[in-house]
Amino acid sequence: MSERFDVAVIGGGPTGTATAIALARAGRTVTVLERSRYDHVRIGEVLPPAACLPLIKLGVWDRFTTEGHAPSPGILSAWGQDEPYENHFIFNPYGHGWHLDRRRFDTMLALVAEEAGASVCRGARVTSCLPVASRGWQVEFASDGGRNHLQATFLVYSTGRACVLARWQRARRIFYDRLVGLVGYFIARS
């Protein structure tokens, strides 16, 4: 691949693919570089009831509801306090929330981005990302055993915690608090 795009999105999670969908529908040439192939287990989350609003606006609500995510009647959480906080969705005007299957959700958004006209490159590991004077960005990446590069006028950096580009630019992390999230898997036996 050696092309020029209006926008290169690095990171194909929900934020990156939603951005690509909106930009492609607005007539921009967009590519998404996603390190995975959406084939590994991704930690799920509970999507709150009001999340239906951005999904409707993005035009993926009907598709989302057919994906088989489990309904969530509420959440119980403990964030920085001793007592758990309960939030029951029964009183929520948007109904229940959902336990996301993140692999399925992320894959669905990537497919919608492609249908909108974006290019989604799976298995792409960015190796270099440099600003080019008055022309945007030069991005190099490895994919399918080969080296590729592209140019983009704008860059959307959406890799979450990995923040590789920020580290390449010598940015420092700013820690807000000391909260930690723990995730575990359990096998249900009958």
N, C-alpha and C. Protein backbone atom coordinates (compact mmCIF):
# COMPACT_ATOMS: atom_id res chain seq x y z
N MET A 1 0.85 -1.18 0.00
CA MET A 1 0.00 0.00 0.00
C MET A 1 0.89 1.24 0.00
N SER A 2 0.69 2.09 -0.92
CA SER A 2 1.38 3.38 -0.97
C SER A 2 0.38 4.38 -1.53
N GLU A 3 -0.41 4.94 -0.64
CA GLU A 3 -1.50 5.79 -1.07
C GLU A 3 -1.54 7.08 -0.26
N ARG A 4 -2.40 7.97 -0.69
CA ARG A 4 -2.62 9.21 0.03
C ARG A 4 -4.08 9.25 0.47
N PHE A 5 -4.30 9.63 1.72
CA PHE A 5 -5.64 9.70 2.30
C PHE A 5 -5.84 11.07 2.93
N ASP A 6 -7.08 11.44 3.04
CA ASP A 6 -7.39 12.65 3.81
C ASP A 6 -7.05 12.42 5.28
N VAL A 7 -7.43 11.23 5.78
CA VAL A 7 -7.26 10.93 7.20
C VAL A 7 -6.76 9.51 7.37
N ALA A 8 -5.75 9.35 8.22
CA ALA A 8 -5.30 8.02 8.66
C ALA A 8 -5.68 7.89 10.13
N VAL A 9 -6.38 6.81 10.45
CA VAL A 9 -6.78 6.54 11.83
C VAL A 9 -5.92 5.39 12.32
N ILE A 10 -5.15 5.62 13.36
CA ILE A 10 -4.33 4.56 13.94
C ILE A 10 -5.08 4.03 15.14
N GLY A 11 -5.53 2.80 15.05
CA GLY A 11 -6.31 2.16 16.09
C GLY A 11 -7.73 1.91 15.62
N GLY A 12 -8.11 0.64 15.55
CA GLY A 12 -9.42 0.27 15.02
C GLY A 12 -10.41 -0.19 16.07
N GLY A 13 -10.31 0.36 17.28
CA GLY A 13 -11.32 0.08 18.29
C GLY A 13 -12.56 0.93 18.02
N PRO A 14 -13.48 1.00 18.99
CA PRO A 14 -14.72 1.75 18.77
C PRO A 14 -14.51 3.22 18.41
N THR A 15 -13.58 3.89 19.06
CA THR A 15 -13.36 5.31 18.76
C THR A 15 -12.79 5.50 17.36
N GLY A 16 -11.81 4.70 17.00
CA GLY A 16 -11.19 4.82 15.68
C GLY A 16 -12.15 4.48 14.55
N THR A 17 -12.90 3.40 14.70
CA THR A 17 -13.81 3.01 13.62
C THR A 17 -15.01 3.94 13.53
N ALA A 18 -15.51 4.43 14.67
CA ALA A 18 -16.62 5.39 14.63
C ALA A 18 -16.18 6.67 13.93
N THR A 19 -14.96 7.11 14.19
CA THR A 19 -14.42 8.28 13.52
C THR A 19 -14.32 8.03 12.02
N ALA A 20 -13.83 6.85 11.65
CA ALA A 20 -13.70 6.50 10.23
C ALA A 20 -15.07 6.45 9.54
N ILE A 21 -16.06 5.91 10.21
CA ILE A 21 -17.41 5.84 9.63
C ILE A 21 -17.93 7.24 9.34
N ALA A 22 -17.83 8.13 10.33
CA ALA A 22 -18.35 9.49 10.16
C ALA A 22 -17.59 10.24 9.06
N LEU A 23 -16.27 10.11 9.03
CA LEU A 23 -15.48 10.82 8.02
C LEU A 23 -15.74 10.27 6.61
N ALA A 24 -15.82 8.95 6.48
CA ALA A 24 -16.06 8.35 5.16
C ALA A 24 -17.44 8.75 4.64
N ARG A 25 -18.42 8.77 5.51
CA ARG A 25 -19.76 9.19 5.09
C ARG A 25 -19.80 10.67 4.72
N ALA A 26 -18.85 11.44 5.23
CA ALA A 26 -18.77 12.87 4.90
C ALA A 26 -17.94 13.10 3.64
N GLY A 27 -17.53 12.00 2.98
CA GLY A 27 -16.83 12.12 1.71
C GLY A 27 -15.31 12.18 1.81
N ARG A 28 -14.75 11.92 2.96
CA ARG A 28 -13.29 11.94 3.11
C ARG A 28 -12.71 10.56 2.80
N THR A 29 -11.49 10.54 2.28
CA THR A 29 -10.80 9.26 2.10
C THR A 29 -10.12 8.92 3.42
N VAL A 30 -10.42 7.73 3.92
CA VAL A 30 -9.99 7.35 5.26
C VAL A 30 -9.41 5.95 5.24
N THR A 31 -8.33 5.76 5.99
CA THR A 31 -7.83 4.42 6.24
C THR A 31 -7.69 4.21 7.73
N VAL A 32 -7.97 3.00 8.18
CA VAL A 32 -7.81 2.62 9.58
C VAL A 32 -6.72 1.57 9.64
N LEU A 33 -5.72 1.79 10.49
CA LEU A 33 -4.66 0.81 10.70
C LEU A 33 -4.88 0.18 12.06
N GLU A 34 -5.28 -1.09 12.06
CA GLU A 34 -5.57 -1.83 13.29
C GLU A 34 -4.56 -2.94 13.48
N ARG A 35 -3.93 -2.98 14.64
CA ARG A 35 -2.88 -3.95 14.91
C ARG A 35 -3.41 -5.39 14.91
N SER A 36 -4.58 -5.59 15.45
CA SER A 36 -5.13 -6.95 15.50
C SER A 36 -5.89 -7.27 14.22
N ARG A 37 -6.39 -8.47 14.18
CA ARG A 37 -7.29 -8.87 13.10
C ARG A 37 -8.69 -9.11 13.66
N TYR A 38 -8.93 -8.57 14.83
CA TYR A 38 -10.19 -8.75 15.56
C TYR A 38 -10.45 -10.22 15.86
N ASP A 39 -9.39 -10.98 16.05
CA ASP A 39 -9.56 -12.41 16.26
C ASP A 39 -9.22 -12.87 17.67
N HIS A 40 -8.80 -11.96 18.54
CA HIS A 40 -8.47 -12.32 19.92
C HIS A 40 -9.56 -11.82 20.86
N VAL A 41 -9.66 -12.48 21.99
CA VAL A 41 -10.61 -12.05 23.01
C VAL A 41 -10.24 -10.64 23.45
N ARG A 42 -11.24 -9.79 23.52
CA ARG A 42 -11.06 -8.43 24.03
C ARG A 42 -11.92 -8.30 25.28
N ILE A 43 -11.40 -7.58 26.24
CA ILE A 43 -12.13 -7.42 27.49
C ILE A 43 -13.44 -6.69 27.19
N GLY A 44 -14.52 -7.28 27.66
CA GLY A 44 -15.83 -6.69 27.44
C GLY A 44 -16.12 -5.58 28.43
N GLU A 45 -17.20 -4.92 28.22
CA GLU A 45 -17.60 -3.81 29.07
C GLU A 45 -19.11 -3.79 29.14
N VAL A 46 -19.61 -3.00 30.07
CA VAL A 46 -21.04 -2.77 30.11
C VAL A 46 -21.28 -1.43 29.43
N LEU A 47 -22.09 -1.46 28.40
CA LEU A 47 -22.46 -0.25 27.69
C LEU A 47 -23.71 0.30 28.35
N PRO A 48 -23.69 1.55 28.80
CA PRO A 48 -24.87 2.09 29.50
C PRO A 48 -26.02 2.32 28.53
N PRO A 49 -27.24 2.42 29.06
CA PRO A 49 -28.41 2.60 28.20
C PRO A 49 -28.32 3.80 27.25
N ALA A 50 -27.78 4.92 27.71
CA ALA A 50 -27.72 6.13 26.87
C ALA A 50 -26.77 5.97 25.70
N ALA A 51 -25.99 4.89 25.64
CA ALA A 51 -25.10 4.65 24.50
C ALA A 51 -25.89 4.43 23.22
N CYS A 52 -27.18 4.17 23.34
CA CYS A 52 -27.99 4.01 22.13
C CYS A 52 -27.99 5.29 21.31
N LEU A 53 -27.86 6.44 21.95
CA LEU A 53 -27.92 7.72 21.23
C LEU A 53 -26.78 7.89 20.23
N PRO A 54 -25.50 7.73 20.63
CA PRO A 54 -24.45 7.85 19.61
C PRO A 54 -24.49 6.71 18.59
N LEU A 55 -24.96 5.53 18.98
CA LEU A 55 -25.05 4.43 18.02
C LEU A 55 -26.15 4.71 16.98
N ILE A 56 -27.24 5.34 17.41
CA ILE A 56 -28.29 5.74 16.47
C ILE A 56 -27.75 6.82 15.54
N LYS A 57 -27.09 7.81 16.10
CA LYS A 57 -26.55 8.91 15.30
C LYS A 57 -25.54 8.40 14.28
N LEU A 58 -24.76 7.39 14.66
CA LEU A 58 -23.77 6.81 13.76
C LEU A 58 -24.41 5.90 12.71
N GLY A 59 -25.67 5.55 12.93
CA GLY A 59 -26.39 4.71 11.97
C GLY A 59 -26.12 3.23 12.12
N VAL A 60 -25.70 2.79 13.31
CA VAL A 60 -25.38 1.37 13.50
C VAL A 60 -26.28 0.71 14.55
N TRP A 61 -27.28 1.44 15.04
CA TRP A 61 -28.10 0.93 16.11
C TRP A 61 -28.82 -0.37 15.74
N ASP A 62 -29.47 -0.40 14.58
CA ASP A 62 -30.21 -1.61 14.18
C ASP A 62 -29.27 -2.80 14.08
N ARG A 63 -28.11 -2.58 13.53
CA ARG A 63 -27.14 -3.66 13.40
C ARG A 63 -26.65 -4.11 14.78
N PHE A 64 -26.39 -3.15 15.67
CA PHE A 64 -25.95 -3.46 17.03
C PHE A 64 -26.96 -4.37 17.74
N THR A 65 -28.24 -4.05 17.61
CA THR A 65 -29.26 -4.81 18.34
C THR A 65 -29.40 -6.24 17.82
N THR A 66 -28.92 -6.52 16.62
CA THR A 66 -28.99 -7.89 16.09
C THR A 66 -27.72 -8.69 16.39
N GLU A 67 -26.74 -8.07 17.04
CA GLU A 67 -25.45 -8.73 17.30
C GLU A 67 -25.47 -9.68 18.49
N GLY A 68 -26.53 -9.69 19.27
CA GLY A 68 -26.66 -10.66 20.36
C GLY A 68 -25.91 -10.32 21.63
N HIS A 69 -25.67 -9.05 21.91
CA HIS A 69 -25.03 -8.67 23.17
C HIS A 69 -26.04 -8.88 24.30
N ALA A 70 -25.56 -9.38 25.44
CA ALA A 70 -26.44 -9.70 26.55
C ALA A 70 -26.94 -8.42 27.24
N PRO A 71 -28.23 -8.37 27.56
CA PRO A 71 -28.75 -7.19 28.26
C PRO A 71 -28.16 -7.09 29.67
N SER A 72 -28.00 -5.88 30.15
CA SER A 72 -27.50 -5.62 31.50
C SER A 72 -28.54 -4.79 32.25
N PRO A 73 -29.11 -5.34 33.32
CA PRO A 73 -30.14 -4.60 34.06
C PRO A 73 -29.58 -3.51 34.97
N GLY A 74 -28.27 -3.48 35.14
CA GLY A 74 -27.65 -2.47 36.00
C GLY A 74 -26.18 -2.80 36.24
N ILE A 75 -25.54 -1.97 37.05
CA ILE A 75 -24.13 -2.21 37.38
C ILE A 75 -23.93 -2.06 38.87
N LEU A 76 -22.94 -2.75 39.36
CA LEU A 76 -22.48 -2.65 40.73
C LEU A 76 -20.99 -2.38 40.65
N SER A 77 -20.54 -1.26 41.18
CA SER A 77 -19.12 -0.92 41.05
C SER A 77 -18.59 -0.31 42.34
N ALA A 78 -17.29 -0.38 42.51
CA ALA A 78 -16.60 0.24 43.64
C ALA A 78 -15.41 0.99 43.07
N TRP A 79 -15.53 2.29 42.93
CA TRP A 79 -14.46 3.13 42.39
C TRP A 79 -14.05 4.15 43.43
N GLY A 80 -12.95 3.88 44.10
CA GLY A 80 -12.40 4.82 45.06
C GLY A 80 -13.21 4.96 46.34
N GLN A 81 -14.01 3.97 46.67
CA GLN A 81 -14.80 4.01 47.90
C GLN A 81 -14.94 2.60 48.44
N ASP A 82 -15.27 2.49 49.71
CA ASP A 82 -15.39 1.18 50.33
C ASP A 82 -16.69 0.48 49.97
N GLU A 83 -17.77 1.24 49.89
CA GLU A 83 -19.08 0.67 49.61
C GLU A 83 -19.35 0.62 48.11
N PRO A 84 -19.87 -0.49 47.62
CA PRO A 84 -20.21 -0.57 46.19
C PRO A 84 -21.37 0.38 45.85
N TYR A 85 -21.37 0.86 44.62
CA TYR A 85 -22.41 1.73 44.11
C TYR A 85 -23.29 0.92 43.17
N GLU A 86 -24.61 0.97 43.38
CA GLU A 86 -25.55 0.25 42.53
C GLU A 86 -26.27 1.24 41.61
N ASN A 87 -26.34 0.91 40.33
CA ASN A 87 -27.07 1.72 39.37
C ASN A 87 -28.00 0.79 38.61
N HIS A 88 -29.26 0.79 39.00
CA HIS A 88 -30.25 -0.06 38.35
C HIS A 88 -30.82 0.67 37.14
N PHE A 89 -30.82 0.00 35.99
CA PHE A 89 -31.29 0.64 34.76
C PHE A 89 -32.81 0.60 34.60
N ILE A 90 -33.50 -0.01 35.53
CA ILE A 90 -34.95 -0.14 35.38
C ILE A 90 -35.64 1.24 35.30
N PHE A 91 -35.02 2.24 35.90
CA PHE A 91 -35.60 3.58 35.88
C PHE A 91 -35.02 4.44 34.75
N ASN A 92 -34.17 3.88 33.94
CA ASN A 92 -33.52 4.64 32.88
C ASN A 92 -34.47 4.79 31.69
N PRO A 93 -34.63 6.00 31.17
CA PRO A 93 -35.56 6.18 30.05
C PRO A 93 -35.14 5.46 28.77
N TYR A 94 -33.87 5.04 28.68
CA TYR A 94 -33.39 4.34 27.48
C TYR A 94 -33.41 2.82 27.64
N GLY A 95 -33.89 2.34 28.78
CA GLY A 95 -33.98 0.89 28.99
C GLY A 95 -32.72 0.32 29.62
N HIS A 96 -32.43 -0.91 29.29
CA HIS A 96 -31.29 -1.62 29.88
C HIS A 96 -29.99 -1.28 29.13
N GLY A 97 -28.88 -1.65 29.75
CA GLY A 97 -27.58 -1.55 29.09
C GLY A 97 -27.24 -2.88 28.45
N TRP A 98 -25.96 -3.06 28.07
CA TRP A 98 -25.54 -4.30 27.42
C TRP A 98 -24.16 -4.71 27.90
N HIS A 99 -24.00 -6.03 28.06
CA HIS A 99 -22.67 -6.61 28.27
C HIS A 99 -22.11 -6.84 26.87
N LEU A 100 -21.08 -6.10 26.54
CA LEU A 100 -20.54 -6.18 25.18
C LEU A 100 -19.64 -7.39 24.98
N ASP A 101 -19.78 -8.02 23.86
CA ASP A 101 -18.77 -8.93 23.34
C ASP A 101 -17.89 -8.02 22.48
N ARG A 102 -16.76 -7.56 23.05
CA ARG A 102 -15.95 -6.54 22.39
C ARG A 102 -15.42 -6.99 21.04
N ARG A 103 -15.06 -8.24 20.92
CA ARG A 103 -14.57 -8.72 19.62
C ARG A 103 -15.67 -8.56 18.56
N ARG A 104 -16.86 -8.97 18.88
CA ARG A 104 -17.99 -8.86 17.95
C ARG A 104 -18.34 -7.40 17.68
N PHE A 105 -18.34 -6.55 18.72
CA PHE A 105 -18.67 -5.14 18.57
C PHE A 105 -17.63 -4.42 17.70
N ASP A 106 -16.35 -4.64 17.99
CA ASP A 106 -15.29 -3.99 17.22
C ASP A 106 -15.28 -4.46 15.77
N THR A 107 -15.51 -5.75 15.55
CA THR A 107 -15.57 -6.28 14.18
C THR A 107 -16.73 -5.66 13.41
N MET A 108 -17.89 -5.54 14.06
CA MET A 108 -19.06 -4.94 13.42
C MET A 108 -18.76 -3.51 12.99
N LEU A 109 -18.14 -2.72 13.88
CA LEU A 109 -17.84 -1.33 13.54
C LEU A 109 -16.82 -1.24 12.40
N ALA A 110 -15.84 -2.15 12.37
CA ALA A 110 -14.86 -2.16 11.27
C ALA A 110 -15.55 -2.48 9.94
N LEU A 111 -16.48 -3.42 9.94
CA LEU A 111 -17.22 -3.75 8.71
C LEU A 111 -18.08 -2.58 8.24
N VAL A 112 -18.71 -1.88 9.17
CA VAL A 112 -19.52 -0.72 8.81
C VAL A 112 -18.61 0.38 8.24
N ALA A 113 -17.42 0.56 8.82
CA ALA A 113 -16.48 1.55 8.29
C ALA A 113 -16.12 1.22 6.84
N GLU A 114 -15.88 -0.06 6.56
CA GLU A 114 -15.57 -0.47 5.17
C GLU A 114 -16.76 -0.22 4.25
N GLU A 115 -17.96 -0.55 4.72
CA GLU A 115 -19.16 -0.32 3.92
C GLU A 115 -19.36 1.17 3.63
N ALA A 116 -18.90 2.02 4.56
CA ALA A 116 -19.02 3.48 4.37
C ALA A 116 -17.96 4.01 3.42
N GLY A 117 -16.98 3.17 3.07
CA GLY A 117 -15.95 3.60 2.12
C GLY A 117 -14.56 3.72 2.69
N ALA A 118 -14.39 3.48 3.98
CA ALA A 118 -13.06 3.54 4.59
C ALA A 118 -12.30 2.26 4.26
N SER A 119 -10.99 2.37 4.24
CA SER A 119 -10.12 1.21 4.11
C SER A 119 -9.71 0.79 5.51
N VAL A 120 -9.90 -0.49 5.86
CA VAL A 120 -9.50 -0.98 7.17
C VAL A 120 -8.41 -2.01 6.96
N CYS A 121 -7.22 -1.70 7.42
CA CYS A 121 -6.08 -2.61 7.28
C CYS A 121 -5.86 -3.32 8.61
N ARG A 122 -6.21 -4.61 8.64
CA ARG A 122 -6.06 -5.42 9.85
C ARG A 122 -4.65 -5.99 9.89
N GLY A 123 -4.16 -6.24 11.09
CA GLY A 123 -2.82 -6.79 11.25
C GLY A 123 -1.73 -5.79 10.87
N ALA A 124 -2.00 -4.51 11.04
CA ALA A 124 -1.05 -3.45 10.66
C ALA A 124 -0.36 -2.90 11.90
N ARG A 125 0.94 -3.07 11.97
CA ARG A 125 1.73 -2.54 13.09
C ARG A 125 2.49 -1.31 12.62
N VAL A 126 2.12 -0.16 13.16
CA VAL A 126 2.75 1.11 12.78
C VAL A 126 4.19 1.11 13.28
N THR A 127 5.13 1.38 12.37
CA THR A 127 6.55 1.39 12.73
C THR A 127 7.14 2.79 12.72
N SER A 128 6.47 3.72 12.04
CA SER A 128 6.96 5.09 11.99
C SER A 128 5.81 6.01 11.63
N CYS A 129 5.80 7.16 12.23
CA CYS A 129 4.76 8.15 11.96
C CYS A 129 5.40 9.52 12.10
N LEU A 130 5.65 10.17 10.96
CA LEU A 130 6.38 11.43 10.97
C LEU A 130 5.60 12.54 10.29
N PRO A 131 5.64 13.73 10.88
CA PRO A 131 5.00 14.86 10.18
C PRO A 131 5.82 15.25 8.95
N VAL A 132 5.11 15.57 7.88
CA VAL A 132 5.75 16.00 6.64
C VAL A 132 5.32 17.45 6.40
N ALA A 133 6.28 18.34 6.28
CA ALA A 133 5.98 19.77 6.16
C ALA A 133 4.94 20.03 5.08
N SER A 134 3.89 20.71 5.45
CA SER A 134 2.79 21.14 4.59
C SER A 134 2.06 20.02 3.86
N ARG A 135 2.34 18.77 4.21
CA ARG A 135 1.65 17.66 3.53
C ARG A 135 1.03 16.68 4.51
N GLY A 136 1.06 16.95 5.80
CA GLY A 136 0.45 16.05 6.76
C GLY A 136 1.41 15.08 7.39
N TRP A 137 1.13 13.79 7.19
CA TRP A 137 1.86 12.73 7.88
C TRP A 137 2.30 11.63 6.92
N GLN A 138 3.47 11.09 7.20
CA GLN A 138 3.98 9.90 6.51
C GLN A 138 3.93 8.77 7.53
N VAL A 139 3.17 7.74 7.23
CA VAL A 139 3.00 6.62 8.16
C VAL A 139 3.55 5.36 7.51
N GLU A 140 4.43 4.69 8.23
CA GLU A 140 4.95 3.40 7.78
C GLU A 140 4.43 2.32 8.71
N PHE A 141 4.10 1.17 8.12
CA PHE A 141 3.58 0.08 8.93
C PHE A 141 3.91 -1.26 8.29
N ALA A 142 3.94 -2.29 9.13
CA ALA A 142 4.17 -3.65 8.66
C ALA A 142 2.82 -4.36 8.63
N SER A 143 2.58 -5.10 7.54
CA SER A 143 1.33 -5.83 7.40
C SER A 143 1.55 -7.00 6.45
N ASP A 144 1.10 -8.18 6.85
CA ASP A 144 1.22 -9.37 6.01
C ASP A 144 2.65 -9.61 5.54
N GLY A 145 3.60 -9.39 6.43
CA GLY A 145 5.01 -9.67 6.12
C GLY A 145 5.70 -8.61 5.29
N GLY A 146 5.00 -7.56 4.91
CA GLY A 146 5.62 -6.53 4.08
C GLY A 146 5.60 -5.17 4.76
N ARG A 147 6.44 -4.28 4.24
CA ARG A 147 6.48 -2.90 4.71
C ARG A 147 5.64 -2.04 3.78
N ASN A 148 4.83 -1.18 4.35
CA ASN A 148 3.95 -0.31 3.59
C ASN A 148 4.07 1.11 4.11
N HIS A 149 3.65 2.05 3.30
CA HIS A 149 3.60 3.43 3.79
C HIS A 149 2.43 4.15 3.12
N LEU A 150 2.00 5.20 3.79
CA LEU A 150 0.92 6.02 3.26
C LEU A 150 1.14 7.45 3.72
N GLN A 151 0.47 8.35 3.04
CA GLN A 151 0.48 9.75 3.45
C GLN A 151 -0.95 10.15 3.77
N ALA A 152 -1.10 10.98 4.79
CA ALA A 152 -2.42 11.46 5.18
C ALA A 152 -2.31 12.93 5.57
N THR A 153 -3.31 13.68 5.20
CA THR A 153 -3.34 15.09 5.57
C THR A 153 -3.54 15.24 7.07
N PHE A 154 -4.42 14.41 7.63
CA PHE A 154 -4.69 14.44 9.07
C PHE A 154 -4.48 13.06 9.66
N LEU A 155 -4.15 13.05 10.95
CA LEU A 155 -3.91 11.80 11.67
C LEU A 155 -4.82 11.78 12.90
N VAL A 156 -5.54 10.67 13.08
CA VAL A 156 -6.33 10.47 14.29
C VAL A 156 -5.65 9.33 15.03
N TYR A 157 -5.24 9.61 16.24
CA TYR A 157 -4.51 8.62 17.02
C TYR A 157 -5.44 8.05 18.07
N SER A 158 -5.81 6.78 17.91
CA SER A 158 -6.86 6.18 18.72
C SER A 158 -6.47 4.79 19.21
N THR A 159 -5.29 4.70 19.84
CA THR A 159 -4.83 3.39 20.29
C THR A 159 -5.06 3.13 21.77
N GLY A 160 -5.69 4.06 22.46
CA GLY A 160 -5.94 3.84 23.88
C GLY A 160 -4.67 3.87 24.69
N ARG A 161 -4.59 2.94 25.63
CA ARG A 161 -3.47 2.93 26.57
C ARG A 161 -2.11 2.71 25.91
N ALA A 162 -2.06 2.12 24.75
CA ALA A 162 -0.76 1.85 24.12
C ALA A 162 0.03 3.13 23.90
N CYS A 163 -0.60 4.16 23.46
CA CYS A 163 -0.04 5.50 23.23
C CYS A 163 1.39 5.49 22.69
N VAL A 164 1.65 4.63 21.72
CA VAL A 164 3.00 4.50 21.16
C VAL A 164 3.46 5.80 20.50
N LEU A 165 2.60 6.41 19.69
CA LEU A 165 2.98 7.65 19.01
C LEU A 165 3.33 8.74 20.01
N ALA A 166 2.56 8.84 21.07
CA ALA A 166 2.85 9.85 22.09
C ALA A 166 4.23 9.60 22.71
N ARG A 167 4.55 8.33 22.95
CA ARG A 167 5.88 8.02 23.50
C ARG A 167 6.96 8.34 22.50
N TRP A 168 6.71 8.10 21.20
CA TRP A 168 7.69 8.45 20.17
C TRP A 168 7.95 9.95 20.16
N GLN A 169 6.91 10.72 20.49
CA GLN A 169 7.04 12.17 20.52
C GLN A 169 7.56 12.66 21.88
N ARG A 170 7.95 11.73 22.73
CA ARG A 170 8.51 11.99 24.07
C ARG A 170 7.50 12.63 25.03
N ALA A 171 6.26 12.31 24.85
CA ALA A 171 5.23 12.80 25.78
C ALA A 171 5.31 11.99 27.07
N ARG A 172 4.94 12.62 28.17
CA ARG A 172 4.90 11.95 29.47
C ARG A 172 3.46 11.65 29.85
N ARG A 173 3.27 10.53 30.51
CA ARG A 173 1.95 10.22 31.04
C ARG A 173 1.69 11.10 32.25
N ILE A 174 0.45 11.54 32.36
CA ILE A 174 0.02 12.27 33.54
C ILE A 174 -0.97 11.37 34.27
N PHE A 175 -0.64 11.01 35.48
CA PHE A 175 -1.50 10.11 36.25
C PHE A 175 -2.47 10.94 37.07
N TYR A 176 -3.73 10.62 36.94
CA TYR A 176 -4.78 11.35 37.64
C TYR A 176 -5.04 10.77 39.02
N ASP A 177 -5.04 9.46 39.13
CA ASP A 177 -5.29 8.81 40.41
C ASP A 177 -4.62 7.44 40.42
N ARG A 178 -4.87 6.68 41.46
CA ARG A 178 -4.22 5.38 41.60
C ARG A 178 -5.24 4.23 41.46
N LEU A 179 -6.37 4.50 40.84
CA LEU A 179 -7.38 3.45 40.66
C LEU A 179 -6.88 2.42 39.67
N VAL A 180 -7.22 1.18 39.93
CA VAL A 180 -6.80 0.07 39.08
C VAL A 180 -8.03 -0.76 38.73
N GLY A 181 -8.11 -1.20 37.50
CA GLY A 181 -9.19 -2.10 37.09
C GLY A 181 -8.66 -3.52 36.98
N LEU A 182 -9.38 -4.47 37.55
CA LEU A 182 -9.00 -5.87 37.47
C LEU A 182 -10.04 -6.63 36.67
N VAL A 183 -9.57 -7.56 35.85
CA VAL A 183 -10.46 -8.35 35.03
C VAL A 183 -10.12 -9.81 35.25
N GLY A 184 -11.14 -10.63 35.35
CA GLY A 184 -10.91 -12.07 35.51
C GLY A 184 -11.91 -12.86 34.69
N TYR A 185 -11.53 -14.07 34.36
CA TYR A 185 -12.42 -14.96 33.63
C TYR A 185 -12.75 -16.13 34.55
N PHE A 186 -14.01 -16.55 34.50
CA PHE A 186 -14.45 -17.66 35.33
C PHE A 186 -15.11 -18.70 34.43
N ILE A 187 -14.96 -19.94 34.80
CA ILE A 187 -15.61 -21.03 34.08
C ILE A 187 -16.82 -21.46 34.89
N ALA A 188 -17.99 -21.37 34.29
CA ALA A 188 -19.21 -21.78 34.96
C ALA A 188 -19.37 -23.28 34.83
N ARG A 189 -19.53 -23.95 35.92
CA ARG A 189 -19.72 -25.41 35.92
C ARG A 189 -21.08 -25.72 36.51
N SER A 190 -21.75 -26.66 35.89
CA SER A 190 -23.07 -27.01 36.40
C SER A 190 -23.06 -28.34 37.09
